[in-house]
ModelCIF file with pLDDT and N, C-alpha, C, O atoms, coordinates in Angstrom:
data_MODEL
#
_entry.id   MODEL 
#
_entity.id                         1 
_entity.type                       polymer 
_entity.pdbx_number_of_molecules   1 
#
_entity_poly.entity_id                      1 
_entity_poly.type                           'polypeptide(L)' 
_entity_poly.nstd_linkage                   no 
_entity_poly.nstd_monomer                   no 
_entity_poly.pdbx_seq_one_letter_code       VIEMANRIIPAMDQEVSKELEKILTKKGMIIK 
_entity_poly.pdbx_seq_one_letter_code_can   VIEMANRIIPAMDQEVSKELEKILTKKGMIIK 
_entity_poly.pdbx_strand_id                 A 
#
loop_
_entity_poly_seq.entity_id 
_entity_poly_seq.num 
_entity_poly_seq.mon_id 
_entity_poly_seq.hetero 
1 1  VAL n 
1 2  ILE n 
1 3  GLU n 
1 4  MET n 
1 5  ALA n 
1 6  ASN n 
1 7  ARG n 
1 8  ILE n 
1 9  ILE n 
1 10 PRO n 
1 11 ALA n 
1 12 MET n 
1 13 ASP n 
1 14 GLN n 
1 15 GLU n 
1 16 VAL n 
1 17 SER n 
1 18 LYS n 
1 19 GLU n 
1 20 LEU n 
1 21 GLU n 
1 22 LYS n 
1 23 ILE n 
1 24 LEU n 
1 25 THR n 
1 26 LYS n 
1 27 LYS n 
1 28 GLY n 
1 29 MET n 
1 30 ILE n 
1 31 ILE n 
1 32 LYS n 
#
_struct_asym.id          A 
_struct_asym.entity_id   1 
#
loop_
_ma_qa_metric.id 
_ma_qa_metric.mode 
_ma_qa_metric.name 
_ma_qa_metric.software_group_id 
_ma_qa_metric.type 
1 global pLDDT . pLDDT 
2 local  pLDDT . pLDDT 
#
_ma_qa_metric_global.metric_id      1 
_ma_qa_metric_global.metric_value   95.62 
_ma_qa_metric_global.model_id       1 
_ma_qa_metric_global.ordinal_id     1 
#
loop_
_ma_qa_metric_local.label_asym_id 
_ma_qa_metric_local.label_comp_id 
_ma_qa_metric_local.label_seq_id 
_ma_qa_metric_local.metric_id 
_ma_qa_metric_local.metric_value 
_ma_qa_metric_local.model_id 
_ma_qa_metric_local.ordinal_id 
A VAL 1  2 98.00 1 1  
A ILE 2  2 97.00 1 2  
A GLU 3  2 97.00 1 3  
A MET 4  2 95.00 1 4  
A ALA 5  2 95.00 1 5  
A ASN 6  2 95.00 1 6  
A ARG 7  2 96.00 1 7  
A ILE 8  2 97.00 1 8  
A ILE 9  2 95.00 1 9  
A PRO 10 2 93.00 1 10 
A ALA 11 2 91.00 1 11 
A MET 12 2 93.00 1 12 
A ASP 13 2 94.00 1 13 
A GLN 14 2 94.00 1 14 
A GLU 15 2 94.00 1 15 
A VAL 16 2 95.00 1 16 
A SER 17 2 96.00 1 17 
A LYS 18 2 95.00 1 18 
A GLU 19 2 96.00 1 19 
A LEU 20 2 97.00 1 20 
A GLU 21 2 97.00 1 21 
A LYS 22 2 97.00 1 22 
A ILE 23 2 96.00 1 23 
A LEU 24 2 97.00 1 24 
A THR 25 2 97.00 1 25 
A LYS 26 2 95.00 1 26 
A LYS 27 2 94.00 1 27 
A GLY 28 2 95.00 1 28 
A MET 29 2 97.00 1 29 
A ILE 30 2 98.00 1 30 
A ILE 31 2 97.00 1 31 
A LYS 32 2 97.00 1 32 
#
loop_
_atom_site.group_PDB 
_atom_site.id 
_atom_site.type_symbol 
_atom_site.label_atom_id 
_atom_site.label_alt_id 
_atom_site.label_comp_id 
_atom_site.label_asym_id 
_atom_site.label_entity_id 
_atom_site.label_seq_id 
_atom_site.pdbx_PDB_ins_code 
_atom_site.Cartn_x 
_atom_site.Cartn_y 
_atom_site.Cartn_z 
_atom_site.occupancy 
_atom_site.B_iso_or_equiv 
_atom_site.pdbx_formal_charge 
_atom_site.auth_seq_id 
_atom_site.auth_comp_id 
_atom_site.auth_asym_id 
_atom_site.auth_atom_id 
_atom_site.pdbx_PDB_model_num 
ATOM 1   N N  . VAL A 1 1  ? 39.421 22.357 11.708 1.00 98.00 ? 1  VAL A N  1 
ATOM 2   C CA . VAL A 1 1  ? 40.229 23.569 11.572 1.00 98.00 ? 1  VAL A CA 1 
ATOM 3   C C  . VAL A 1 1  ? 41.657 23.260 11.991 1.00 98.00 ? 1  VAL A C  1 
ATOM 4   O O  . VAL A 1 1  ? 41.888 22.684 13.054 1.00 98.00 ? 1  VAL A O  1 
ATOM 5   N N  . ILE A 1 2  ? 42.623 23.647 11.145 1.00 97.00 ? 2  ILE A N  1 
ATOM 6   C CA . ILE A 1 2  ? 44.045 23.415 11.413 1.00 97.00 ? 2  ILE A CA 1 
ATOM 7   C C  . ILE A 1 2  ? 44.727 24.773 11.549 1.00 97.00 ? 2  ILE A C  1 
ATOM 8   O O  . ILE A 1 2  ? 44.767 25.548 10.593 1.00 97.00 ? 2  ILE A O  1 
ATOM 9   N N  . GLU A 1 3  ? 45.260 25.062 12.727 1.00 97.00 ? 3  GLU A N  1 
ATOM 10  C CA . GLU A 1 3  ? 45.845 26.373 13.019 1.00 97.00 ? 3  GLU A CA 1 
ATOM 11  C C  . GLU A 1 3  ? 47.254 26.197 13.571 1.00 97.00 ? 3  GLU A C  1 
ATOM 12  O O  . GLU A 1 3  ? 47.466 25.395 14.481 1.00 97.00 ? 3  GLU A O  1 
ATOM 13  N N  . MET A 1 4  ? 48.224 26.940 13.029 1.00 95.00 ? 4  MET A N  1 
ATOM 14  C CA . MET A 1 4  ? 49.615 26.811 13.450 1.00 95.00 ? 4  MET A CA 1 
ATOM 15  C C  . MET A 1 4  ? 49.868 27.397 14.840 1.00 95.00 ? 4  MET A C  1 
ATOM 16  O O  . MET A 1 4  ? 50.727 26.899 15.567 1.00 95.00 ? 4  MET A O  1 
ATOM 17  N N  . ALA A 1 5  ? 49.138 28.441 15.218 1.00 95.00 ? 5  ALA A N  1 
ATOM 18  C CA . ALA A 1 5  ? 49.320 29.050 16.540 1.00 95.00 ? 5  ALA A CA 1 
ATOM 19  C C  . ALA A 1 5  ? 48.752 28.121 17.615 1.00 95.00 ? 5  ALA A C  1 
ATOM 20  O O  . ALA A 1 5  ? 48.179 27.075 17.310 1.00 95.00 ? 5  ALA A O  1 
ATOM 21  N N  . ASN A 1 6  ? 48.920 28.517 18.862 1.00 95.00 ? 6  ASN A N  1 
ATOM 22  C CA . ASN A 1 6  ? 48.440 27.665 19.957 1.00 95.00 ? 6  ASN A CA 1 
ATOM 23  C C  . ASN A 1 6  ? 46.969 27.869 20.267 1.00 95.00 ? 6  ASN A C  1 
ATOM 24  O O  . ASN A 1 6  ? 46.445 27.289 21.218 1.00 95.00 ? 6  ASN A O  1 
ATOM 25  N N  . ARG A 1 7  ? 46.293 28.698 19.460 1.00 96.00 ? 7  ARG A N  1 
ATOM 26  C CA . ARG A 1 7  ? 44.858 28.922 19.655 1.00 96.00 ? 7  ARG A CA 1 
ATOM 27  C C  . ARG A 1 7  ? 44.271 29.547 18.391 1.00 96.00 ? 7  ARG A C  1 
ATOM 28  O O  . ARG A 1 7  ? 44.999 30.099 17.567 1.00 96.00 ? 7  ARG A O  1 
ATOM 29  N N  . ILE A 1 8  ? 42.952 29.456 18.248 1.00 97.00 ? 8  ILE A N  1 
ATOM 30  C CA . ILE A 1 8  ? 42.283 30.083 17.107 1.00 97.00 ? 8  ILE A CA 1 
ATOM 31  C C  . ILE A 1 8  ? 42.200 31.595 17.329 1.00 97.00 ? 8  ILE A C  1 
ATOM 32  O O  . ILE A 1 8  ? 42.440 32.084 18.433 1.00 97.00 ? 8  ILE A O  1 
ATOM 33  N N  . ILE A 1 9  ? 41.858 32.325 16.268 1.00 95.00 ? 9  ILE A N  1 
ATOM 34  C CA . ILE A 1 9  ? 41.850 33.798 16.249 1.00 95.00 ? 9  ILE A CA 1 
ATOM 35  C C  . ILE A 1 9  ? 42.899 34.368 17.204 1.00 95.00 ? 9  ILE A C  1 
ATOM 36  O O  . ILE A 1 9  ? 42.560 35.038 18.179 1.00 95.00 ? 9  ILE A O  1 
ATOM 37  N N  . PRO A 1 10 ? 44.179 34.096 16.919 1.00 93.00 ? 10 PRO A N  1 
ATOM 38  C CA . PRO A 1 10 ? 45.247 34.473 17.844 1.00 93.00 ? 10 PRO A CA 1 
ATOM 39  C C  . PRO A 1 10 ? 45.402 35.974 18.079 1.00 93.00 ? 10 PRO A C  1 
ATOM 40  O O  . PRO A 1 10 ? 46.048 36.377 19.046 1.00 93.00 ? 10 PRO A O  1 
ATOM 41  N N  . ALA A 1 11 ? 44.828 36.802 17.222 1.00 91.00 ? 11 ALA A N  1 
ATOM 42  C CA . ALA A 1 11 ? 44.918 38.249 17.433 1.00 91.00 ? 11 ALA A CA 1 
ATOM 43  C C  . ALA A 1 11 ? 44.007 38.722 18.563 1.00 91.00 ? 11 ALA A C  1 
ATOM 44  O O  . ALA A 1 11 ? 44.170 39.829 19.077 1.00 91.00 ? 11 ALA A O  1 
ATOM 45  N N  . MET A 1 12 ? 43.047 37.880 18.948 1.00 93.00 ? 12 MET A N  1 
ATOM 46  C CA . MET A 1 12 ? 42.114 38.243 20.013 1.00 93.00 ? 12 MET A CA 1 
ATOM 47  C C  . MET A 1 12 ? 42.691 37.871 21.380 1.00 93.00 ? 12 MET A C  1 
ATOM 48  O O  . MET A 1 12 ? 43.708 37.186 21.481 1.00 93.00 ? 12 MET A O  1 
ATOM 49  N N  . ASP A 1 13 ? 42.017 38.338 22.415 1.00 94.00 ? 13 ASP A N  1 
ATOM 50  C CA . ASP A 1 13 ? 42.414 38.028 23.780 1.00 94.00 ? 13 ASP A CA 1 
ATOM 51  C C  . ASP A 1 13 ? 42.425 36.513 23.995 1.00 94.00 ? 13 ASP A C  1 
ATOM 52  O O  . ASP A 1 13 ? 41.521 35.817 23.533 1.00 94.00 ? 13 ASP A O  1 
ATOM 53  N N  . GLN A 1 14 ? 43.433 36.002 24.688 1.00 94.00 ? 14 GLN A N  1 
ATOM 54  C CA . GLN A 1 14 ? 43.601 34.566 24.873 1.00 94.00 ? 14 GLN A CA 1 
ATOM 55  C C  . GLN A 1 14 ? 42.390 33.926 25.553 1.00 94.00 ? 14 GLN A C  1 
ATOM 56  O O  . GLN A 1 14 ? 41.946 32.849 25.155 1.00 94.00 ? 14 GLN A O  1 
ATOM 57  N N  . GLU A 1 15 ? 41.865 34.588 26.571 1.00 94.00 ? 15 GLU A N  1 
ATOM 58  C CA . GLU A 1 15 ? 40.733 34.030 27.310 1.00 94.00 ? 15 GLU A CA 1 
ATOM 59  C C  . GLU A 1 15 ? 39.502 33.904 26.408 1.00 94.00 ? 15 GLU A C  1 
ATOM 60  O O  . GLU A 1 15 ? 38.785 32.904 26.448 1.00 94.00 ? 15 GLU A O  1 
ATOM 61  N N  . VAL A 1 16 ? 39.277 34.926 25.607 1.00 95.00 ? 16 VAL A N  1 
ATOM 62  C CA . VAL A 1 16 ? 38.148 34.905 24.671 1.00 95.00 ? 16 VAL A CA 1 
ATOM 63  C C  . VAL A 1 16 ? 38.333 33.817 23.622 1.00 95.00 ? 16 VAL A C  1 
ATOM 64  O O  . VAL A 1 16 ? 37.392 33.103 23.275 1.00 95.00 ? 16 VAL A O  1 
ATOM 65  N N  . SER A 1 17 ? 39.554 33.703 23.126 1.00 96.00 ? 17 SER A N  1 
ATOM 66  C CA . SER A 1 17 ? 39.865 32.696 22.109 1.00 96.00 ? 17 SER A CA 1 
ATOM 67  C C  . SER A 1 17 ? 39.590 31.286 22.622 1.00 96.00 ? 17 SER A C  1 
ATOM 68  O O  . SER A 1 17 ? 38.965 30.479 21.934 1.00 96.00 ? 17 SER A O  1 
ATOM 69  N N  . LYS A 1 18 ? 40.054 30.997 23.823 1.00 95.00 ? 18 LYS A N  1 
ATOM 70  C CA . LYS A 1 18 ? 39.851 29.668 24.401 1.00 95.00 ? 18 LYS A CA 1 
ATOM 71  C C  . LYS A 1 18 ? 38.363 29.377 24.624 1.00 95.00 ? 18 LYS A C  1 
ATOM 72  O O  . LYS A 1 18 ? 37.905 28.258 24.396 1.00 95.00 ? 18 LYS A O  1 
ATOM 73  N N  . GLU A 1 19 ? 37.618 30.381 25.065 1.00 96.00 ? 19 GLU A N  1 
ATOM 74  C CA . GLU A 1 19 ? 36.185 30.193 25.298 1.00 96.00 ? 19 GLU A CA 1 
ATOM 75  C C  . GLU A 1 19 ? 35.455 29.924 23.984 1.00 96.00 ? 19 GLU A C  1 
ATOM 76  O O  . GLU A 1 19 ? 34.581 29.060 23.918 1.00 96.00 ? 19 GLU A O  1 
ATOM 77  N N  . LEU A 1 20 ? 35.818 30.668 22.940 1.00 97.00 ? 20 LEU A N  1 
ATOM 78  C CA . LEU A 1 20 ? 35.193 30.455 21.632 1.00 97.00 ? 20 LEU A CA 1 
ATOM 79  C C  . LEU A 1 20 ? 35.501 29.051 21.118 1.00 97.00 ? 20 LEU A C  1 
ATOM 80  O O  . LEU A 1 20 ? 34.637 28.402 20.529 1.00 97.00 ? 20 LEU A O  1 
ATOM 81  N N  . GLU A 1 21 ? 36.726 28.584 21.338 1.00 97.00 ? 21 GLU A N  1 
ATOM 82  C CA . GLU A 1 21 ? 37.092 27.234 20.901 1.00 97.00 ? 21 GLU A CA 1 
ATOM 83  C C  . GLU A 1 21 ? 36.200 26.178 21.578 1.00 97.00 ? 21 GLU A C  1 
ATOM 84  O O  . GLU A 1 21 ? 35.781 25.215 20.936 1.00 97.00 ? 21 GLU A O  1 
ATOM 85  N N  . LYS A 1 22 ? 35.920 26.359 22.851 1.00 97.00 ? 22 LYS A N  1 
ATOM 86  C CA . LYS A 1 22 ? 35.029 25.424 23.563 1.00 97.00 ? 22 LYS A CA 1 
ATOM 87  C C  . LYS A 1 22 ? 33.642 25.412 22.937 1.00 97.00 ? 22 LYS A C  1 
ATOM 88  O O  . LYS A 1 22 ? 33.051 24.351 22.733 1.00 97.00 ? 22 LYS A O  1 
ATOM 89  N N  . ILE A 1 23 ? 33.128 26.596 22.635 1.00 96.00 ? 23 ILE A N  1 
ATOM 90  C CA . ILE A 1 23 ? 31.775 26.714 22.075 1.00 96.00 ? 23 ILE A CA 1 
ATOM 91  C C  . ILE A 1 23 ? 31.704 26.069 20.696 1.00 96.00 ? 23 ILE A C  1 
ATOM 92  O O  . ILE A 1 23 ? 30.763 25.333 20.399 1.00 96.00 ? 23 ILE A O  1 
ATOM 93  N N  . LEU A 1 24 ? 32.707 26.347 19.847 1.00 97.00 ? 24 LEU A N  1 
ATOM 94  C CA . LEU A 1 24 ? 32.709 25.777 18.493 1.00 97.00 ? 24 LEU A CA 1 
ATOM 95  C C  . LEU A 1 24 ? 32.869 24.264 18.528 1.00 97.00 ? 24 LEU A C  1 
ATOM 96  O O  . LEU A 1 24 ? 32.302 23.556 17.696 1.00 97.00 ? 24 LEU A O  1 
ATOM 97  N N  . THR A 1 25 ? 33.639 23.768 19.490 1.00 97.00 ? 25 THR A N  1 
ATOM 98  C CA . THR A 1 25 ? 33.794 22.315 19.641 1.00 97.00 ? 25 THR A CA 1 
ATOM 99  C C  . THR A 1 25 ? 32.454 21.674 20.003 1.00 97.00 ? 25 THR A C  1 
ATOM 100 O O  . THR A 1 25 ? 32.123 20.600 19.502 1.00 97.00 ? 25 THR A O  1 
ATOM 101 N N  . LYS A 1 26 ? 31.690 22.329 20.869 1.00 95.00 ? 26 LYS A N  1 
ATOM 102 C CA . LYS A 1 26 ? 30.357 21.824 21.223 1.00 95.00 ? 26 LYS A CA 1 
ATOM 103 C C  . LYS A 1 26 ? 29.423 21.806 20.017 1.00 95.00 ? 26 LYS A C  1 
ATOM 104 O O  . LYS A 1 26 ? 28.502 20.992 19.951 1.00 95.00 ? 26 LYS A O  1 
ATOM 105 N N  . LYS A 1 27 ? 29.664 22.708 19.061 1.00 94.00 ? 27 LYS A N  1 
ATOM 106 C CA . LYS A 1 27 ? 28.851 22.750 17.842 1.00 94.00 ? 27 LYS A CA 1 
ATOM 107 C C  . LYS A 1 27 ? 29.284 21.684 16.834 1.00 94.00 ? 27 LYS A C  1 
ATOM 108 O O  . LYS A 1 27 ? 28.694 21.567 15.761 1.00 94.00 ? 27 LYS A O  1 
ATOM 109 N N  . GLY A 1 28 ? 30.321 20.902 17.181 1.00 95.00 ? 28 GLY A N  1 
ATOM 110 C CA . GLY A 1 28 ? 30.731 19.805 16.315 1.00 95.00 ? 28 GLY A CA 1 
ATOM 111 C C  . GLY A 1 28 ? 31.987 20.039 15.516 1.00 95.00 ? 28 GLY A C  1 
ATOM 112 O O  . GLY A 1 28 ? 32.417 19.142 14.791 1.00 95.00 ? 28 GLY A O  1 
ATOM 113 N N  . MET A 1 29 ? 32.607 21.225 15.616 1.00 97.00 ? 29 MET A N  1 
ATOM 114 C CA . MET A 1 29 ? 33.834 21.487 14.871 1.00 97.00 ? 29 MET A CA 1 
ATOM 115 C C  . MET A 1 29 ? 35.029 20.843 15.578 1.00 97.00 ? 29 MET A C  1 
ATOM 116 O O  . MET A 1 29 ? 35.111 20.852 16.806 1.00 97.00 ? 29 MET A O  1 
ATOM 117 N N  . ILE A 1 30 ? 35.953 20.287 14.792 1.00 98.00 ? 30 ILE A N  1 
ATOM 118 C CA . ILE A 1 30 ? 37.199 19.739 15.330 1.00 98.00 ? 30 ILE A CA 1 
ATOM 119 C C  . ILE A 1 30 ? 38.290 20.784 15.120 1.00 98.00 ? 30 ILE A C  1 
ATOM 120 O O  . ILE A 1 30 ? 38.487 21.262 14.002 1.00 98.00 ? 30 ILE A O  1 
ATOM 121 N N  . ILE A 1 31 ? 38.993 21.138 16.183 1.00 97.00 ? 31 ILE A N  1 
ATOM 122 C CA . ILE A 1 31 ? 39.998 22.195 16.095 1.00 97.00 ? 31 ILE A CA 1 
ATOM 123 C C  . ILE A 1 31 ? 41.351 21.642 16.512 1.00 97.00 ? 31 ILE A C  1 
ATOM 124 O O  . ILE A 1 31 ? 41.511 21.135 17.622 1.00 97.00 ? 31 ILE A O  1 
ATOM 125 N N  . LYS A 1 32 ? 42.332 21.745 15.603 1.00 97.00 ? 32 LYS A N  1 
ATOM 126 C CA . LYS A 1 32 ? 43.698 21.289 15.871 1.00 97.00 ? 32 LYS A CA 1 
ATOM 127 C C  . LYS A 1 32 ? 44.611 22.507 15.859 1.00 97.00 ? 32 LYS A C  1 
ATOM 128 O O  . LYS A 1 32 ? 45.818 22.376 16.062 1.00 97.00 ? 32 LYS A O  1 
#
């Protein structure tokens, strides 16, 4: 996943966004 903002789903709460990124990374997704 390639995202221009500093986090995924940037419209959501920052803490939630960062936690979701950790979970998706554990599932094997690469997030840039």
